[in-house]
């Protein structure tokens, strides 16, 4: 028996003799549940939590509360969503909100792995926690506990870095944006450099890439949650020279493309002010597609391009060590937008990933679904009431018995939604396909952008221990290969995190 298990055993024994057998049973079962489960129980966590609370303390909590056996530290991120702190404060860590983070590489940048990326790779070194390397400092502690480490890295970049302009995407008006282009060779070389650095410099078990983007056409139509608030339609990407050249090589009539998007922009602008076309929104939407098939060609080109990048990164991981895992985060938009779902073929994605983490966020998923309906209800489905548009999506996405609009914002999505989505993914991956991990949300903060039609923020669906336990139970009951506790530990209330452990121990 190793020292950690011995301490837990003695502690459990002393509590039992003090007449509190329930606490003793919980402590004794924590490590046992983790060992007994052959499934991955992972958690996303930023370096800030280890700095704030200490590595050993964090790992104790993760194992005791969540039966965690795999840690997913954010090793490269420029987003507070995976690397920072948020209000409301969860009762652990520092009560300080990161209104901005420097971001970048939270491990150590080794410049030799980065070739011709237009910037000095050392400039991507995160400076938020000087002297702390999240992989170097974490891995010895996880190894002692038999825990795995899978680094999370995100589709993001600091646009202020010298030379960064060469990596960025352009909208169809020719304006450079702060988003990244997947056809850009500098960006591709940067991503493969990151992968090579992580898998060759550290004793990690794998990597997971997070990309939450879609093509210009569906983005323009408002086909995403909070889509109504994302600015002018013409700001969608990408129309850089690399994308244009690739499109021409595939026979897309690029000379017609700008005119097509200009017509699409007029359609959306009219919808946002509720100016109904003569033949209605849905008919006009299809007229737009029939007259300008380039719109869908361009959408598909975008998704093809990032699947090429996924394959490129997967190949680099396997070239270093075939045993290492490479996984993909599948954006929650696949639970809302049927067109986006059509591009997420799990059997196809299984060719370039060992696991797929589906963001099945049923707590914040309710408000997000409502904001999606509000957005798409101004464009493609403008002929329908919000309630009718919601029921249409429930039917085509196969979500029976979810709460109607706008009550879904308060009710959230059900645990049964998690079950159905896991089953769909398992069937869709095909024989020998990627492992399916269910992303379970715990205390992801909501904003006013998630609230629709005058609803109050405080009435939106809230995370509870019971809801977390039920969603986890349903994911595992559906035979998911594991779960990923999301979005990040620093925003999770510990009692709600315990809902994960409740379900894992129950099903062990």
Protein backbone atom coordinates (compact mmCIF):
# COMPACT_ATOMS: atom_id res chain seq x y z
CA UNK A 1 0.00 0.00 0.00
CA UNK A 2 1.53 3.35 -1.01
CA UNK A 3 1.79 6.30 1.39
CA UNK A 4 -1.20 8.14 0.03
CA UNK A 5 -3.51 5.17 0.35
CA UNK A 6 -2.12 4.42 3.83
CA UNK A 7 -2.93 7.94 5.00
CA UNK A 8 -6.43 7.69 3.58
CA UNK A 9 -6.93 4.28 5.21
CA UNK A 10 -5.76 5.47 8.63
CA UNK A 11 -7.81 8.64 8.36
CA UNK A 12 -10.92 6.67 7.44
CA UNK A 13 -10.32 4.30 10.33
CA UNK A 14 -9.94 7.09 12.86
CA UNK A 15 -13.16 8.75 11.68
CA UNK A 16 -15.05 5.48 11.92
CA UNK A 17 -13.90 4.93 15.50
CA UNK A 18 -15.09 8.43 16.29
CA UNK A 19 -18.61 7.31 15.43
CA UNK A 20 -18.98 8.87 11.95
CA UNK A 21 -19.12 5.82 9.66
CA UNK A 22 -20.58 7.76 6.72
CA UNK A 23 -17.51 10.00 6.44
CA UNK A 24 -15.26 6.97 6.80
CA UNK A 25 -17.06 5.15 4.02
CA UNK A 26 -16.78 8.15 1.71
CA UNK A 27 -13.05 8.55 2.32
CA UNK A 28 -12.37 4.84 1.95
CA UNK A 29 -14.31 4.66 -1.30
CA UNK A 30 -12.73 7.66 -3.05
CA UNK A 31 -9.54 6.04 -4.25
CA UNK A 32 -11.33 2.72 -4.71
CA UNK A 33 -13.88 4.28 -7.04
CA UNK A 34 -11.13 5.79 -9.16
CA UNK A 35 -9.27 2.46 -9.37
CA UNK A 36 -12.43 0.45 -9.98
CA UNK A 37 -13.58 2.58 -12.89
CA UNK A 38 -11.98 1.65 -16.19
CA UNK A 39 -13.41 4.84 -17.65
CA UNK A 40 -11.72 8.18 -17.86
CA UNK A 41 -12.89 10.68 -15.23
CA UNK A 42 -11.14 13.85 -16.32
CA UNK A 43 -11.29 17.48 -15.26
CA UNK A 44 -10.25 20.67 -17.04
CA UNK A 45 -8.16 22.95 -14.85
CA UNK A 46 -6.08 26.08 -15.32
CA UNK A 47 -2.58 26.66 -13.98
CA UNK A 48 -4.05 29.41 -11.81
CA UNK A 49 -5.70 26.83 -9.53
CA UNK A 50 -2.45 25.01 -8.80
CA UNK A 51 -0.75 28.32 -8.08
CA UNK A 52 -3.59 29.57 -5.87
CA UNK A 53 -4.29 26.38 -3.93
CA UNK A 54 -1.23 24.16 -4.30
CA UNK A 55 -0.87 21.06 -6.45
CA UNK A 56 -1.30 18.47 -3.69
CA UNK A 57 -4.35 20.18 -2.25
CA UNK A 58 -5.97 20.44 -5.68
CA UNK A 59 -5.33 16.80 -6.48
CA UNK A 60 -6.70 15.72 -3.10
CA UNK A 61 -9.91 17.61 -3.81
CA UNK A 62 -10.20 16.32 -7.36
CA UNK A 63 -9.86 12.71 -6.26
CA UNK A 64 -12.02 13.00 -3.14
CA UNK A 65 -14.80 15.13 -4.61
CA UNK A 66 -14.83 14.03 -8.23
CA UNK A 67 -13.16 10.58 -8.31
CA UNK A 68 -10.87 12.12 -10.93
CA UNK A 69 -8.25 9.89 -12.55
CA UNK A 70 -7.18 12.21 -15.39
CA UNK A 71 -6.13 15.85 -15.16
CA UNK A 72 -6.53 18.12 -18.19
CA UNK A 73 -4.48 21.25 -17.49
CA UNK A 74 -4.82 24.17 -19.90
CA UNK A 75 -1.31 24.13 -21.33
CA UNK A 76 -1.96 26.67 -24.08
CA UNK A 77 -4.80 29.17 -23.87
CA UNK A 78 -5.49 32.86 -24.27
CA UNK A 79 -9.01 32.52 -22.87
CA UNK A 80 -10.35 33.12 -19.38
CA UNK A 81 -12.80 30.34 -20.19
CA UNK A 82 -10.11 27.70 -19.70
CA UNK A 83 -7.25 29.52 -17.97
CA UNK A 84 -8.64 32.22 -15.67
CA UNK A 85 -10.98 32.91 -12.74
CA UNK A 86 -14.59 34.08 -12.85
CA UNK A 87 -17.28 35.45 -10.62
CA UNK A 88 -19.25 34.23 -8.78
CA UNK A 89 -16.43 32.97 -6.57
CA UNK A 90 -16.86 29.26 -5.77
CA UNK A 91 -15.48 29.27 -2.22
CA UNK A 92 -11.96 28.03 -2.97
CA UNK A 93 -8.94 29.64 -4.57
CA UNK A 94 -8.50 33.39 -4.63
CA UNK A 95 -11.51 35.70 -4.80
CA UNK A 96 -9.95 37.64 -7.65
CA UNK A 97 -11.47 37.74 -11.11
CA UNK A 98 -9.12 37.80 -14.10
CA UNK A 99 -10.65 40.50 -16.25
CA UNK A 100 -7.79 39.82 -18.63
CA UNK A 101 -5.02 37.26 -18.71
CA UNK A 102 -1.75 37.38 -20.58
CA UNK A 103 -2.29 33.80 -21.71
CA UNK A 104 -0.12 31.68 -23.97
CA UNK A 105 1.92 28.59 -23.19
CA UNK A 106 1.65 27.65 -19.51
CA UNK A 107 4.37 25.03 -19.92
CA UNK A 108 7.86 26.04 -21.09
CA UNK A 109 8.38 27.06 -24.71
CA UNK A 110 11.23 25.15 -26.38
CA UNK A 111 11.98 27.24 -29.51
CA UNK A 112 13.60 24.44 -31.49
CA UNK A 113 10.19 22.87 -32.18
CA UNK A 114 8.82 25.95 -33.97
CA UNK A 115 9.93 26.59 -37.54
CA UNK A 116 8.84 29.54 -39.70
CA UNK A 117 5.77 30.59 -37.71
CA UNK A 118 6.20 34.37 -38.33
CA UNK A 119 6.73 35.15 -34.64
CA UNK A 120 9.33 34.49 -31.97
CA UNK A 121 7.94 31.38 -30.22
CA UNK A 122 9.27 32.65 -26.90
CA UNK A 123 6.74 35.48 -27.12
CA UNK A 124 3.96 32.91 -26.63
CA UNK A 125 5.25 32.03 -23.16
CA UNK A 126 2.54 32.76 -20.59
CA UNK A 127 3.71 35.28 -17.99
CA UNK A 128 0.77 35.03 -15.60
CA UNK A 129 2.60 32.70 -13.19
CA UNK A 130 6.37 33.32 -13.41
CA UNK A 131 8.50 30.25 -12.72
CA UNK A 132 5.55 27.84 -12.82
CA UNK A 133 5.47 25.22 -15.58
CA UNK A 134 2.10 23.49 -15.38
CA UNK A 135 3.36 20.23 -16.92
CA UNK A 136 6.83 20.04 -15.35
CA UNK A 137 5.50 20.86 -11.88
CA UNK A 138 2.28 18.84 -12.04
CA UNK A 139 3.31 15.51 -13.58
CA UNK A 140 5.48 14.17 -10.70
CA UNK A 141 2.50 14.55 -8.34
CA UNK A 142 0.03 12.86 -10.68
CA UNK A 143 2.40 9.99 -11.38
CA UNK A 144 2.60 9.18 -7.67
CA UNK A 145 -1.18 8.93 -7.58
CA UNK A 146 -1.58 6.91 -10.77
CA UNK A 147 -3.38 9.80 -12.49
CA UNK A 148 -3.01 10.63 -16.17
CA UNK A 149 -2.27 14.05 -17.64
CA UNK A 150 -3.78 15.18 -20.94
CA UNK A 151 -2.88 18.71 -21.93
CA UNK A 152 -5.65 20.99 -23.20
CA UNK A 153 -4.71 23.51 -25.86
CA UNK A 154 -7.08 25.96 -27.46
CA UNK A 155 -7.70 27.67 -30.77
CA UNK A 156 -6.63 31.14 -29.63
CA UNK A 157 -3.83 33.61 -30.10
CA UNK A 158 -2.53 36.94 -28.84
CA UNK A 159 -3.05 39.29 -31.78
CA UNK A 160 -0.70 41.86 -30.22
CA UNK A 161 2.44 39.77 -30.74
CA UNK A 162 4.86 41.10 -33.38
CA UNK A 163 4.33 39.17 -36.60
CA UNK A 164 1.00 37.72 -35.46
CA UNK A 165 -0.85 39.42 -38.30
CA UNK A 166 0.44 36.72 -40.68
CA UNK A 167 -1.64 34.06 -38.92
CA UNK A 168 -5.01 35.77 -38.88
CA UNK A 169 -8.18 35.39 -40.90
CA UNK A 170 -9.96 37.98 -43.07
CA UNK A 171 -13.65 38.71 -43.43
CA UNK A 172 -15.32 38.94 -46.83
CA UNK A 173 -14.88 42.71 -46.84
CA UNK A 174 -11.10 42.21 -46.74
CA UNK A 175 -10.65 43.27 -43.11
CA UNK A 176 -8.20 41.37 -40.93
CA UNK A 177 -9.80 39.83 -37.83
CA UNK A 178 -8.43 38.49 -34.55
CA UNK A 179 -9.43 34.91 -35.48
CA UNK A 180 -7.07 32.28 -36.89
CA UNK A 181 -7.20 30.70 -40.34
CA UNK A 182 -6.85 26.92 -40.64
CA UNK A 183 -5.52 27.19 -44.19
CA UNK A 184 -2.76 29.58 -43.13
CA UNK A 185 0.60 27.76 -43.26
CA UNK A 186 2.04 29.87 -40.42
CA UNK A 187 -0.85 28.88 -38.18
CA UNK A 188 -0.51 25.22 -39.14
CA UNK A 189 3.20 25.24 -38.37
CA UNK A 190 2.54 26.91 -35.04
CA UNK A 191 0.04 24.21 -34.05
CA UNK A 192 2.33 21.35 -35.04
CA UNK A 193 5.16 23.10 -33.18
CA UNK A 194 3.01 23.22 -30.05
CA UNK A 195 2.17 19.54 -30.40
CA UNK A 196 5.78 18.53 -30.98
CA UNK A 197 6.89 20.61 -28.01
CA UNK A 198 4.37 19.11 -25.60
CA UNK A 199 4.72 15.46 -26.61
CA UNK A 200 8.51 15.47 -26.85
CA UNK A 201 9.34 17.67 -23.87
CA UNK A 202 7.02 16.15 -21.27
CA UNK A 203 5.90 12.75 -20.02
CA UNK A 204 2.24 13.40 -20.79
CA UNK A 205 -0.45 10.90 -21.72
CA UNK A 206 -1.97 12.93 -24.53
CA UNK A 207 -3.44 16.20 -25.77
CA UNK A 208 -6.91 17.58 -26.42
CA UNK A 209 -7.54 20.41 -28.89
CA UNK A 210 -10.38 22.86 -28.33
CA UNK A 211 -11.89 24.57 -31.37
CA UNK A 212 -15.26 26.33 -31.12
CA UNK A 213 -15.73 27.82 -34.58
CA UNK A 214 -17.87 27.23 -37.64
CA UNK A 215 -17.95 28.50 -41.20
CA UNK A 216 -18.87 31.99 -42.36
CA UNK A 217 -22.30 31.09 -43.68
CA UNK A 218 -23.77 29.44 -40.56
CA UNK A 219 -22.12 32.07 -38.38
CA UNK A 220 -23.68 34.80 -40.52
CA UNK A 221 -27.12 33.22 -40.19
CA UNK A 222 -26.73 33.40 -36.41
CA UNK A 223 -26.56 29.61 -36.11
CA UNK A 224 -25.01 29.53 -32.64
CA UNK A 225 -25.86 30.54 -29.09
CA UNK A 226 -25.45 34.28 -28.52
CA UNK A 227 -25.42 34.58 -32.32
CA UNK A 228 -27.63 37.65 -32.23
CA UNK A 229 -24.94 39.59 -30.35
CA UNK A 230 -21.95 38.82 -32.56
CA UNK A 231 -21.81 41.95 -34.66
CA UNK A 232 -22.29 42.58 -38.35
CA UNK A 233 -22.76 39.57 -40.66
CA UNK A 234 -19.86 40.71 -42.85
CA UNK A 235 -17.40 40.11 -40.01
CA UNK A 236 -17.45 36.32 -40.58
CA UNK A 237 -14.31 34.47 -41.65
CA UNK A 238 -12.26 33.37 -43.51
CA UNK A 239 -11.60 34.91 -46.91
CA UNK A 240 -7.81 35.21 -46.86
CA UNK A 241 -5.66 34.52 -49.95
CA UNK A 242 -4.91 30.97 -48.73
CA UNK A 243 -8.63 30.17 -48.53
CA UNK A 244 -9.31 31.81 -51.90
CA UNK A 245 -6.57 29.81 -53.62
CA UNK A 246 -7.78 26.58 -52.07
CA UNK A 247 -11.34 27.30 -53.16
CA UNK A 248 -10.29 27.98 -56.73
CA UNK A 249 -8.38 24.70 -56.83
CA UNK A 250 -11.60 22.91 -55.80
CA UNK A 251 -13.63 24.60 -58.53
CA UNK A 252 -15.56 27.00 -56.29
CA UNK A 253 -16.62 30.07 -58.26
CA UNK A 254 -14.81 32.58 -56.10
CA UNK A 255 -15.74 35.47 -58.39
CA UNK A 256 -19.38 34.93 -57.34
CA UNK A 257 -18.59 34.48 -53.65
CA UNK A 258 -18.61 38.08 -52.46
CA UNK A 259 -21.90 38.78 -54.21
CA UNK A 260 -23.37 35.68 -52.57
CA UNK A 261 -22.35 36.81 -49.10
CA UNK A 262 -23.60 40.33 -49.78
CA UNK A 263 -27.03 38.86 -50.56
CA UNK A 264 -26.85 36.72 -47.43
CA UNK A 265 -25.95 39.81 -45.41
CA UNK A 266 -29.06 41.62 -46.69
CA UNK A 267 -31.20 38.62 -45.75
CA UNK A 268 -29.83 38.60 -42.20
CA UNK A 269 -30.02 42.37 -41.76
CA UNK A 270 -33.71 42.34 -42.75
CA UNK A 271 -34.40 39.50 -40.36
CA UNK A 272 -32.77 41.25 -37.42
CA UNK A 273 -35.27 44.10 -37.76
CA UNK A 274 -38.14 41.66 -38.47
CA UNK A 275 -38.72 42.70 -42.08
CA UNK A 276 -40.37 39.61 -43.50
CA UNK A 277 -39.50 38.80 -47.14
CA UNK A 278 -42.42 38.51 -49.56
CA UNK A 279 -42.15 34.71 -49.63
CA UNK A 280 -41.17 34.39 -46.00
CA UNK A 281 -37.84 33.60 -44.35
CA UNK A 282 -37.54 29.88 -45.00
CA UNK A 283 -38.38 30.07 -48.70
CA UNK A 284 -36.05 33.06 -49.12
CA UNK A 285 -33.31 31.15 -47.31
CA UNK A 286 -33.54 28.31 -49.82
CA UNK A 287 -33.74 30.72 -52.74
CA UNK A 288 -30.48 32.19 -51.47
CA UNK A 289 -28.85 28.75 -51.43
CA UNK A 290 -30.18 27.69 -54.82
CA UNK A 291 -28.98 30.86 -56.49
CA UNK A 292 -25.68 30.93 -54.61
CA UNK A 293 -24.51 27.36 -53.92
CA UNK A 294 -21.07 28.85 -53.22
CA UNK A 295 -22.36 29.67 -49.73
CA UNK A 296 -22.55 26.00 -48.76
CA UNK A 297 -19.38 25.17 -50.68
CA UNK A 298 -17.57 27.77 -48.60
CA UNK A 299 -19.04 26.42 -45.38
CA UNK A 300 -17.89 22.90 -46.18
CA UNK A 301 -14.45 24.14 -47.21
CA UNK A 302 -14.00 25.67 -43.76
CA UNK A 303 -14.85 22.41 -41.98
CA UNK A 304 -12.71 20.37 -44.35
CA UNK A 305 -9.80 22.67 -43.59
CA UNK A 306 -9.89 22.27 -39.85
CA UNK A 307 -10.30 18.51 -40.21
CA UNK A 308 -7.07 18.59 -42.25
CA UNK A 309 -5.41 20.40 -39.33
CA UNK A 310 -6.80 17.85 -36.87
CA UNK A 311 -5.24 15.09 -38.95
CA UNK A 312 -1.94 16.95 -39.12
CA UNK A 313 -1.77 17.31 -35.33
CA UNK A 314 -2.85 13.69 -34.81
CA UNK A 315 -0.05 12.50 -37.10
CA UNK A 316 2.52 14.55 -35.17
CA UNK A 317 1.35 13.08 -31.87
CA UNK A 318 1.58 9.52 -33.20
CA UNK A 319 4.97 10.17 -34.80
CA UNK A 320 6.32 10.98 -31.35
CA UNK A 321 4.63 8.10 -29.53
CA UNK A 322 1.83 5.91 -30.87
CA UNK A 323 0.57 5.27 -27.34
CA UNK A 324 -0.19 8.93 -26.70
CA UNK A 325 -3.83 10.00 -27.04
CA UNK A 326 -5.06 12.85 -29.19
CA UNK A 327 -8.58 14.09 -28.63
CA UNK A 328 -10.98 16.76 -29.83
CA UNK A 329 -13.42 18.94 -27.94
CA UNK A 330 -16.74 18.96 -29.82
CA UNK A 331 -18.44 22.32 -29.39
CA UNK A 332 -21.84 22.47 -27.73
CA UNK A 333 -23.23 24.00 -30.94
CA UNK A 334 -23.64 20.44 -32.23
CA UNK A 335 -26.56 20.20 -29.78
CA UNK A 336 -28.30 23.20 -31.36
CA UNK A 337 -27.47 23.86 -35.00
CA UNK A 338 -28.45 21.00 -37.39
CA UNK A 339 -26.12 22.32 -40.11
CA UNK A 340 -23.17 22.35 -37.72
CA UNK A 341 -24.14 18.86 -36.56
CA UNK A 342 -24.11 17.68 -40.18
CA UNK A 343 -20.43 18.66 -40.39
CA UNK A 344 -19.54 16.72 -37.22
CA UNK A 345 -19.43 13.17 -38.55
CA UNK A 346 -18.04 11.15 -35.65
CA UNK A 347 -16.90 8.28 -37.85
CA UNK A 348 -14.91 10.76 -39.94
CA UNK A 349 -13.49 12.53 -36.89
CA UNK A 350 -12.47 9.15 -35.48
CA UNK A 351 -9.84 8.92 -38.21
CA UNK A 352 -7.94 11.81 -36.63
CA UNK A 353 -8.72 11.42 -32.92
CA UNK A 354 -8.48 8.80 -30.21
CA UNK A 355 -11.30 10.39 -28.23
CA UNK A 356 -14.05 12.95 -28.76
CA UNK A 357 -15.17 15.06 -25.83
CA UNK A 358 -18.75 16.17 -26.43
CA UNK A 359 -19.66 19.38 -24.62
CA UNK A 360 -22.97 18.09 -23.23
CA UNK A 361 -23.50 21.03 -20.92
CA UNK A 362 -27.07 20.50 -19.74
CA UNK A 363 -27.02 23.23 -17.07
CA UNK A 364 -25.86 26.19 -19.15
CA UNK A 365 -27.25 24.37 -22.20
CA UNK A 366 -30.75 25.58 -21.41
CA UNK A 367 -29.98 29.31 -21.58
CA UNK A 368 -27.69 28.67 -24.55
CA UNK A 369 -30.44 26.83 -26.42
CA UNK A 370 -32.81 29.72 -25.76
CA UNK A 371 -30.32 32.30 -27.03
CA UNK A 372 -29.69 30.15 -30.14
CA UNK A 373 -33.43 30.00 -30.86
CA UNK A 374 -33.70 33.75 -30.44
CA UNK A 375 -30.83 34.25 -32.90
CA UNK A 376 -31.83 31.74 -35.58
CA UNK A 377 -35.46 32.78 -35.12
CA UNK A 378 -34.61 36.12 -36.73
CA UNK A 379 -33.23 34.51 -39.88
CA UNK A 380 -33.82 30.97 -41.21
CA UNK A 381 -36.81 30.25 -38.95
CA UNK A 382 -38.27 33.74 -38.86
CA UNK A 383 -41.67 32.44 -40.06
CA UNK A 384 -42.09 30.44 -36.84
CA UNK A 385 -42.75 31.56 -33.31
CA UNK A 386 -39.90 30.98 -30.87
CA UNK A 387 -41.87 28.12 -29.35
CA UNK A 388 -42.43 26.50 -32.76
CA UNK A 389 -38.77 26.90 -33.75
CA UNK A 390 -37.71 25.24 -30.51
CA UNK A 391 -40.00 22.27 -31.06
CA UNK A 392 -38.72 21.93 -34.64
CA UNK A 393 -35.14 21.70 -33.36
CA UNK A 394 -36.10 19.24 -30.64
CA UNK A 395 -37.71 17.03 -33.26
CA UNK A 396 -34.86 17.05 -35.80
CA UNK A 397 -32.18 16.74 -33.10
CA UNK A 398 -34.17 13.96 -31.39
CA UNK A 399 -34.67 15.65 -28.01
CA UNK A 400 -38.11 14.56 -26.76
CA UNK A 401 -39.51 16.05 -23.58
CA UNK A 402 -37.14 19.00 -23.19
CA UNK A 403 -38.54 22.20 -21.72
CA UNK A 404 -40.27 24.57 -24.18
CA UNK A 405 -39.11 28.07 -25.02
CA UNK A 406 -38.49 30.23 -23.04
CA UNK A 407 -38.75 27.98 -19.98
CA UNK A 408 -35.74 25.95 -21.17
CA UNK A 409 -33.62 28.89 -20.04
CA UNK A 410 -34.69 28.28 -16.45
CA UNK A 411 -35.04 24.50 -16.61
CA UNK A 412 -31.82 23.70 -18.48
CA UNK A 413 -31.54 20.59 -20.60
CA UNK A 414 -32.29 17.28 -18.95
CA UNK A 415 -29.98 14.49 -17.87
CA UNK A 416 -31.76 12.36 -20.48
CA UNK A 417 -30.40 14.73 -23.15
CA UNK A 418 -26.92 13.71 -22.00
CA UNK A 419 -27.87 10.03 -22.26
CA UNK A 420 -29.29 10.39 -25.78
CA UNK A 421 -26.28 12.34 -27.06
CA UNK A 422 -23.83 9.77 -25.74
CA UNK A 423 -25.82 6.99 -27.40
CA UNK A 424 -25.91 8.93 -30.68
CA UNK A 425 -22.15 9.45 -30.57
CA UNK A 426 -21.43 5.82 -29.79
CA UNK A 427 -23.56 4.74 -32.73
CA UNK A 428 -22.13 7.43 -34.99
CA UNK A 429 -18.46 6.69 -34.37
CA UNK A 430 -18.72 3.24 -35.97
CA UNK A 431 -16.83 0.09 -35.05
CA UNK A 432 -13.40 0.85 -33.66
CA UNK A 433 -14.11 4.57 -33.61
CA UNK A 434 -12.87 7.16 -31.15
CA UNK A 435 -13.72 6.90 -27.47
CA UNK A 436 -16.67 9.08 -26.49
CA UNK A 437 -16.30 11.31 -23.44
CA UNK A 438 -19.23 13.32 -22.09
CA UNK A 439 -18.41 16.87 -21.10
CA UNK A 440 -20.36 17.63 -17.88
CA UNK A 441 -20.67 21.31 -16.96
CA UNK A 442 -20.21 22.41 -13.38
CA UNK A 443 -20.91 26.07 -12.56
CA UNK A 444 -20.09 27.59 -15.95
CA UNK A 445 -20.93 31.28 -15.41
CA UNK A 446 -23.80 32.74 -17.39
CA UNK A 447 -23.94 36.26 -18.74
CA UNK A 448 -26.75 38.55 -19.77
CA UNK A 449 -26.09 37.39 -23.35
CA UNK A 450 -27.50 33.99 -22.37
CA UNK A 451 -30.78 35.49 -21.20
CA UNK A 452 -33.59 36.06 -23.69
CA UNK A 453 -36.86 37.95 -23.97
CA UNK A 454 -36.58 39.78 -20.67
CA UNK A 455 -35.77 36.72 -18.54
CA UNK A 456 -33.79 37.41 -15.40
CA UNK A 457 -30.23 36.15 -15.05
CA UNK A 458 -30.79 34.85 -11.52
CA UNK A 459 -33.62 32.62 -12.79
CA UNK A 460 -31.48 30.86 -15.38
CA UNK A 461 -30.67 27.18 -14.88
CA UNK A 462 -28.24 26.78 -11.99
CA UNK A 463 -25.81 23.95 -11.32
CA UNK A 464 -26.65 21.75 -8.35
CA UNK A 465 -25.04 18.65 -6.93
CA UNK A 466 -28.10 16.63 -7.88
CA UNK A 467 -28.10 17.86 -11.48
CA UNK A 468 -24.39 17.09 -11.83
CA UNK A 469 -24.88 13.64 -10.33
CA UNK A 470 -27.80 12.88 -12.63
CA UNK A 471 -26.01 14.03 -15.79
CA UNK A 472 -22.91 12.01 -14.87
CA UNK A 473 -24.98 8.95 -14.07
CA UNK A 474 -26.80 9.16 -17.40
CA UNK A 475 -23.55 9.59 -19.35
CA UNK A 476 -22.02 6.52 -17.73
CA UNK A 477 -25.28 4.55 -17.95
CA UNK A 478 -25.23 5.23 -21.70
CA UNK A 479 -21.76 3.58 -21.76
CA UNK A 480 -19.69 6.67 -22.38
CA UNK A 481 -15.99 5.85 -22.28
CA UNK A 482 -15.60 8.57 -19.69
CA UNK A 483 -16.47 12.11 -18.74
CA UNK A 484 -14.70 15.46 -18.74
CA UNK A 485 -15.69 17.80 -15.90
CA UNK A 486 -15.93 21.22 -17.51
CA UNK A 487 -15.28 24.13 -17.99
CA UNK A 488 -12.57 24.58 -15.36
CA UNK A 489 -12.01 23.78 -11.70
CA UNK A 490 -11.49 27.40 -10.60
CA UNK A 491 -15.19 28.22 -11.15
CA UNK A 492 -16.66 25.04 -9.61
CA UNK A 493 -18.35 24.89 -6.22
CA UNK A 494 -16.90 21.91 -4.40
CA UNK A 495 -20.27 20.55 -3.34
CA UNK A 496 -21.38 20.52 -6.99
CA UNK A 497 -18.11 18.84 -7.99
CA UNK A 498 -18.99 16.15 -5.46
CA UNK A 499 -21.94 15.22 -7.66
CA UNK A 500 -19.43 13.63 -10.03
CA UNK A 501 -17.98 11.48 -7.27
CA UNK A 502 -21.46 10.51 -6.11
CA UNK A 503 -22.32 9.08 -9.53
CA UNK A 504 -18.96 7.40 -10.14
CA UNK A 505 -19.01 5.65 -6.77
CA UNK A 506 -22.63 4.63 -7.26
CA UNK A 507 -21.86 3.03 -10.64
CA UNK A 508 -18.52 1.53 -9.64
